[in-house]
Amino acid sequence: MCSRSKEVIPGLLRKTNKLELLLAAEQEKNKFVQVVLERQANVLEKHSAVMEKHSAVIEDQRNLTAELHMFKKKERMLKIVIVVTVLIIAFQVMSQPEFGKTMPRQLV
């Protein structure tokens, strides 16, 4: 009986050592997986921040495009007002009775 127990114990020790090694390897793998998951979480957080900034830039671009459109409309309207004003002034000048008459030269 004694010799049998001596044979069993080394076998158990070998199995225990293998299990401990497997457990240690599993724990290392879990640590690595945890690090990878943390890094992925950081990347996702940074990506989210970048997407928020990107959305803000797109919104600013839309606003600037709308402002530019309004500016161009106002510029066209101003050009029309200037042309109409010049035409009105020219018509008023041409309709005055003195227009077209030459002034006599005064003798010195």
N, C-alpha and C. Protein backbone atom coordinates (compact mmCIF):
# COMPACT_ATOMS: atom_id res chain seq x y z
N MET A 1 0.81 -1.18 0.00
CA MET A 1 0.00 0.00 0.00
C MET A 1 0.85 1.25 0.00
N CYS A 2 1.92 1.18 0.72
CA CYS A 2 2.79 2.35 0.83
C CYS A 2 3.44 2.66 -0.51
N SER A 3 3.87 1.65 -1.22
CA SER A 3 4.49 1.89 -2.51
C SER A 3 3.48 2.44 -3.51
N ARG A 4 2.25 2.01 -3.38
CA ARG A 4 1.21 2.50 -4.28
C ARG A 4 0.96 3.99 -4.05
N SER A 5 0.91 4.45 -2.82
CA SER A 5 0.69 5.85 -2.53
C SER A 5 1.86 6.71 -3.00
N LYS A 6 3.04 6.16 -2.97
CA LYS A 6 4.21 6.90 -3.46
C LYS A 6 4.13 7.09 -4.97
N GLU A 7 3.53 6.15 -5.66
CA GLU A 7 3.39 6.27 -7.10
C GLU A 7 2.27 7.25 -7.48
N VAL A 8 1.24 7.29 -6.68
CA VAL A 8 0.10 8.16 -6.98
C VAL A 8 0.46 9.62 -6.76
N ILE A 9 1.17 9.90 -5.70
CA ILE A 9 1.49 11.29 -5.36
C ILE A 9 2.31 11.97 -6.46
N PRO A 10 3.37 11.37 -7.00
CA PRO A 10 4.08 12.05 -8.09
C PRO A 10 3.18 12.29 -9.30
N GLY A 11 2.28 11.38 -9.60
CA GLY A 11 1.36 11.59 -10.71
C GLY A 11 0.42 12.76 -10.45
N LEU A 12 -0.05 12.87 -9.21
CA LEU A 12 -0.90 14.00 -8.84
C LEU A 12 -0.13 15.32 -8.91
N LEU A 13 1.11 15.26 -8.48
CA LEU A 13 1.94 16.47 -8.53
C LEU A 13 2.13 16.93 -9.98
N ARG A 14 2.37 15.96 -10.86
CA ARG A 14 2.54 16.33 -12.27
C ARG A 14 1.25 16.93 -12.82
N LYS A 15 0.13 16.33 -12.49
CA LYS A 15 -1.15 16.85 -12.95
C LYS A 15 -1.42 18.22 -12.34
N THR A 16 -1.08 18.37 -11.05
CA THR A 16 -1.27 19.65 -10.38
C THR A 16 -0.40 20.72 -11.02
N ASN A 17 0.84 20.38 -11.32
CA ASN A 17 1.74 21.34 -11.97
C ASN A 17 1.21 21.74 -13.35
N LYS A 18 0.70 20.76 -14.07
CA LYS A 18 0.13 21.07 -15.39
C LYS A 18 -1.08 21.99 -15.25
N LEU A 19 -1.93 21.70 -14.26
CA LEU A 19 -3.10 22.54 -14.04
C LEU A 19 -2.69 23.96 -13.62
N GLU A 20 -1.67 24.05 -12.77
CA GLU A 20 -1.18 25.37 -12.36
C GLU A 20 -0.62 26.13 -13.55
N LEU A 21 0.11 25.42 -14.40
CA LEU A 21 0.65 26.06 -15.60
C LEU A 21 -0.49 26.52 -16.53
N LEU A 22 -1.48 25.66 -16.69
CA LEU A 22 -2.63 26.04 -17.52
C LEU A 22 -3.37 27.23 -16.93
N LEU A 23 -3.53 27.21 -15.60
CA LEU A 23 -4.20 28.32 -14.93
C LEU A 23 -3.40 29.62 -15.09
N ALA A 24 -2.08 29.53 -14.93
CA ALA A 24 -1.22 30.70 -15.09
C ALA A 24 -1.30 31.23 -16.53
N ALA A 25 -1.29 30.30 -17.49
CA ALA A 25 -1.39 30.71 -18.90
C ALA A 25 -2.74 31.38 -19.16
N GLU A 26 -3.79 30.82 -18.60
CA GLU A 26 -5.13 31.40 -18.77
C GLU A 26 -5.20 32.79 -18.15
N GLN A 27 -4.58 32.95 -16.99
CA GLN A 27 -4.57 34.27 -16.33
C GLN A 27 -3.80 35.28 -17.16
N GLU A 28 -2.67 34.87 -17.73
CA GLU A 28 -1.89 35.77 -18.60
C GLU A 28 -2.71 36.16 -19.83
N LYS A 29 -3.39 35.17 -20.40
CA LYS A 29 -4.23 35.45 -21.56
C LYS A 29 -5.34 36.43 -21.18
N ASN A 30 -5.93 36.24 -20.01
CA ASN A 30 -6.99 37.15 -19.56
C ASN A 30 -6.45 38.56 -19.34
N LYS A 31 -5.22 38.66 -18.80
CA LYS A 31 -4.61 39.99 -18.62
C LYS A 31 -4.41 40.66 -19.98
N PHE A 32 -3.90 39.87 -20.94
CA PHE A 32 -3.68 40.41 -22.28
C PHE A 32 -5.00 40.86 -22.90
N VAL A 33 -6.03 40.03 -22.76
CA VAL A 33 -7.35 40.37 -23.30
C VAL A 33 -7.87 41.64 -22.63
N GLN A 34 -7.65 41.77 -21.33
CA GLN A 34 -8.09 42.97 -20.61
C GLN A 34 -7.38 44.22 -21.14
N VAL A 35 -6.07 44.10 -21.37
CA VAL A 35 -5.31 45.24 -21.91
C VAL A 35 -5.83 45.61 -23.30
N VAL A 36 -6.08 44.60 -24.11
CA VAL A 36 -6.58 44.86 -25.47
C VAL A 36 -7.95 45.54 -25.40
N LEU A 37 -8.81 45.05 -24.51
CA LEU A 37 -10.14 45.66 -24.37
C LEU A 37 -10.05 47.10 -23.88
N GLU A 38 -9.13 47.37 -22.96
CA GLU A 38 -8.95 48.75 -22.49
C GLU A 38 -8.47 49.65 -23.62
N ARG A 39 -7.54 49.14 -24.41
CA ARG A 39 -7.04 49.94 -25.54
C ARG A 39 -8.15 50.19 -26.56
N GLN A 40 -8.95 49.17 -26.81
CA GLN A 40 -10.07 49.35 -27.74
C GLN A 40 -11.06 50.38 -27.20
N ALA A 41 -11.30 50.35 -25.90
CA ALA A 41 -12.20 51.33 -25.29
C ALA A 41 -11.63 52.74 -25.46
N ASN A 42 -10.31 52.89 -25.27
CA ASN A 42 -9.67 54.20 -25.46
C ASN A 42 -9.80 54.67 -26.91
N VAL A 43 -9.57 53.74 -27.83
CA VAL A 43 -9.68 54.09 -29.25
C VAL A 43 -11.11 54.51 -29.58
N LEU A 44 -12.08 53.77 -29.07
CA LEU A 44 -13.48 54.12 -29.33
C LEU A 44 -13.83 55.48 -28.74
N GLU A 45 -13.29 55.76 -27.57
CA GLU A 45 -13.55 57.06 -26.93
C GLU A 45 -12.96 58.19 -27.77
N LYS A 46 -11.72 57.98 -28.24
CA LYS A 46 -11.08 59.00 -29.08
C LYS A 46 -11.83 59.14 -30.40
N HIS A 47 -12.26 58.01 -30.96
CA HIS A 47 -13.01 58.04 -32.22
C HIS A 47 -14.31 58.81 -32.03
N SER A 48 -14.96 58.60 -30.91
CA SER A 48 -16.20 59.31 -30.62
C SER A 48 -15.96 60.81 -30.54
N ALA A 49 -14.86 61.21 -29.89
CA ALA A 49 -14.53 62.63 -29.79
C ALA A 49 -14.25 63.22 -31.17
N VAL A 50 -13.53 62.47 -32.00
CA VAL A 50 -13.23 62.93 -33.36
C VAL A 50 -14.52 63.08 -34.17
N MET A 51 -15.42 62.13 -34.02
CA MET A 51 -16.69 62.21 -34.75
C MET A 51 -17.52 63.41 -34.30
N GLU A 52 -17.48 63.73 -33.01
CA GLU A 52 -18.19 64.92 -32.52
C GLU A 52 -17.61 66.18 -33.15
N LYS A 53 -16.27 66.25 -33.19
CA LYS A 53 -15.62 67.41 -33.81
C LYS A 53 -15.96 67.46 -35.30
N HIS A 54 -15.96 66.31 -35.95
CA HIS A 54 -16.28 66.24 -37.37
C HIS A 54 -17.70 66.76 -37.61
N SER A 55 -18.62 66.36 -36.76
CA SER A 55 -20.00 66.83 -36.88
C SER A 55 -20.07 68.35 -36.71
N ALA A 56 -19.30 68.86 -35.75
CA ALA A 56 -19.28 70.31 -35.53
C ALA A 56 -18.71 71.03 -36.75
N VAL A 57 -17.67 70.46 -37.35
CA VAL A 57 -17.06 71.07 -38.54
C VAL A 57 -18.06 71.07 -39.70
N ILE A 58 -18.78 69.97 -39.86
CA ILE A 58 -19.78 69.90 -40.93
C ILE A 58 -20.87 70.94 -40.70
N GLU A 59 -21.31 71.08 -39.47
CA GLU A 59 -22.34 72.08 -39.15
C GLU A 59 -21.83 73.49 -39.43
N ASP A 60 -20.57 73.77 -39.03
CA ASP A 60 -19.98 75.09 -39.33
C ASP A 60 -19.91 75.32 -40.83
N GLN A 61 -19.53 74.28 -41.57
CA GLN A 61 -19.43 74.40 -43.02
C GLN A 61 -20.80 74.72 -43.62
N ARG A 62 -21.84 74.06 -43.14
CA ARG A 62 -23.19 74.34 -43.63
C ARG A 62 -23.58 75.79 -43.33
N ASN A 63 -23.28 76.23 -42.11
CA ASN A 63 -23.61 77.61 -41.74
C ASN A 63 -22.87 78.61 -42.61
N LEU A 64 -21.58 78.35 -42.84
CA LEU A 64 -20.79 79.26 -43.68
C LEU A 64 -21.29 79.27 -45.12
N THR A 65 -21.69 78.12 -45.61
CA THR A 65 -22.24 78.05 -46.97
C THR A 65 -23.53 78.86 -47.06
N ALA A 66 -24.37 78.74 -46.05
CA ALA A 66 -25.62 79.52 -46.04
C ALA A 66 -25.31 81.01 -45.96
N GLU A 67 -24.34 81.40 -45.13
CA GLU A 67 -23.96 82.81 -45.03
C GLU A 67 -23.41 83.32 -46.35
N LEU A 68 -22.59 82.51 -47.02
CA LEU A 68 -22.04 82.91 -48.31
C LEU A 68 -23.16 83.09 -49.33
N HIS A 69 -24.12 82.18 -49.33
CA HIS A 69 -25.26 82.29 -50.24
C HIS A 69 -26.02 83.60 -50.00
N MET A 70 -26.27 83.91 -48.73
CA MET A 70 -26.97 85.16 -48.39
C MET A 70 -26.15 86.37 -48.80
N PHE A 71 -24.83 86.31 -48.59
CA PHE A 71 -23.96 87.42 -48.97
C PHE A 71 -24.02 87.65 -50.48
N LYS A 72 -23.98 86.56 -51.25
CA LYS A 72 -24.03 86.71 -52.71
C LYS A 72 -25.37 87.28 -53.15
N LYS A 73 -26.46 86.87 -52.49
CA LYS A 73 -27.77 87.44 -52.81
C LYS A 73 -27.78 88.93 -52.53
N LYS A 74 -27.25 89.33 -51.37
CA LYS A 74 -27.21 90.74 -51.01
C LYS A 74 -26.33 91.51 -51.98
N GLU A 75 -25.22 90.91 -52.39
CA GLU A 75 -24.33 91.57 -53.34
C GLU A 75 -25.04 91.81 -54.67
N ARG A 76 -25.78 90.81 -55.16
CA ARG A 76 -26.54 90.99 -56.41
C ARG A 76 -27.58 92.09 -56.26
N MET A 77 -28.27 92.08 -55.15
CA MET A 77 -29.29 93.11 -54.91
C MET A 77 -28.65 94.50 -54.87
N LEU A 78 -27.50 94.60 -54.23
CA LEU A 78 -26.80 95.89 -54.15
C LEU A 78 -26.38 96.36 -55.55
N LYS A 79 -25.89 95.44 -56.38
CA LYS A 79 -25.53 95.81 -57.75
C LYS A 79 -26.74 96.32 -58.51
N ILE A 80 -27.87 95.65 -58.33
CA ILE A 80 -29.10 96.09 -59.00
C ILE A 80 -29.51 97.47 -58.52
N VAL A 81 -29.43 97.70 -57.21
CA VAL A 81 -29.78 99.01 -56.65
C VAL A 81 -28.86 100.09 -57.21
N ILE A 82 -27.58 99.80 -57.32
CA ILE A 82 -26.62 100.78 -57.85
C ILE A 82 -26.95 101.10 -59.30
N VAL A 83 -27.20 100.09 -60.11
CA VAL A 83 -27.52 100.32 -61.53
C VAL A 83 -28.81 101.13 -61.66
N VAL A 84 -29.82 100.77 -60.89
CA VAL A 84 -31.09 101.51 -60.95
C VAL A 84 -30.89 102.95 -60.51
N THR A 85 -30.11 103.17 -59.45
CA THR A 85 -29.84 104.52 -58.97
C THR A 85 -29.12 105.34 -60.04
N VAL A 86 -28.12 104.75 -60.68
CA VAL A 86 -27.40 105.46 -61.74
C VAL A 86 -28.34 105.79 -62.89
N LEU A 87 -29.21 104.86 -63.26
CA LEU A 87 -30.17 105.12 -64.34
C LEU A 87 -31.14 106.24 -63.97
N ILE A 88 -31.60 106.24 -62.73
CA ILE A 88 -32.52 107.30 -62.28
C ILE A 88 -31.82 108.65 -62.33
N ILE A 89 -30.59 108.70 -61.84
CA ILE A 89 -29.84 109.97 -61.86
C ILE A 89 -29.62 110.42 -63.30
N ALA A 90 -29.23 109.49 -64.18
CA ALA A 90 -29.00 109.85 -65.59
C ALA A 90 -30.29 110.34 -66.23
N PHE A 91 -31.41 109.69 -65.95
CA PHE A 91 -32.69 110.13 -66.50
C PHE A 91 -33.06 111.52 -66.00
N GLN A 92 -32.82 111.78 -64.70
CA GLN A 92 -33.13 113.10 -64.15
C GLN A 92 -32.24 114.16 -64.77
N VAL A 93 -30.98 113.86 -64.96
CA VAL A 93 -30.07 114.84 -65.56
C VAL A 93 -30.48 115.10 -67.01
N MET A 94 -30.83 114.04 -67.73
CA MET A 94 -31.20 114.22 -69.14
C MET A 94 -32.54 114.94 -69.28
N SER A 95 -33.40 114.84 -68.32
CA SER A 95 -34.71 115.48 -68.44
C SER A 95 -34.69 116.95 -68.02
N GLN A 96 -33.59 117.43 -67.51
CA GLN A 96 -33.52 118.85 -67.16
C GLN A 96 -33.39 119.68 -68.43
N PRO A 97 -34.01 120.85 -68.45
CA PRO A 97 -33.99 121.67 -69.67
C PRO A 97 -32.59 122.15 -70.04
N GLU A 98 -31.72 122.30 -69.08
CA GLU A 98 -30.38 122.81 -69.42
C GLU A 98 -29.50 121.74 -70.04
N PHE A 99 -29.91 120.49 -69.96
CA PHE A 99 -29.08 119.40 -70.47
C PHE A 99 -28.99 119.50 -71.99
N GLY A 100 -27.82 119.37 -72.50
CA GLY A 100 -27.62 119.42 -73.93
C GLY A 100 -27.34 120.81 -74.47
N LYS A 101 -27.67 121.85 -73.71
CA LYS A 101 -27.37 123.20 -74.16
C LYS A 101 -25.91 123.47 -73.87
N THR A 102 -25.30 124.11 -74.84
CA THR A 102 -23.90 124.46 -74.63
C THR A 102 -23.83 125.82 -73.98
N MET A 103 -22.94 125.91 -73.09
CA MET A 103 -22.75 127.18 -72.40
C MET A 103 -21.91 128.09 -73.31
N PRO A 104 -22.35 129.33 -73.49
CA PRO A 104 -21.55 130.23 -74.33
C PRO A 104 -20.23 130.56 -73.62
N ARG A 105 -19.24 130.73 -74.46
CA ARG A 105 -17.94 131.09 -73.90
C ARG A 105 -17.97 132.55 -73.53
N GLN A 106 -17.45 132.78 -72.39
CA GLN A 106 -17.37 134.18 -72.00
C GLN A 106 -16.04 134.74 -72.48
N LEU A 107 -16.14 135.93 -72.93
CA LEU A 107 -14.92 136.56 -73.39
C LEU A 107 -14.12 137.05 -72.21
N VAL A 108 -12.88 136.90 -72.33
CA VAL A 108 -12.02 137.33 -71.24
C VAL A 108 -11.71 138.78 -71.34
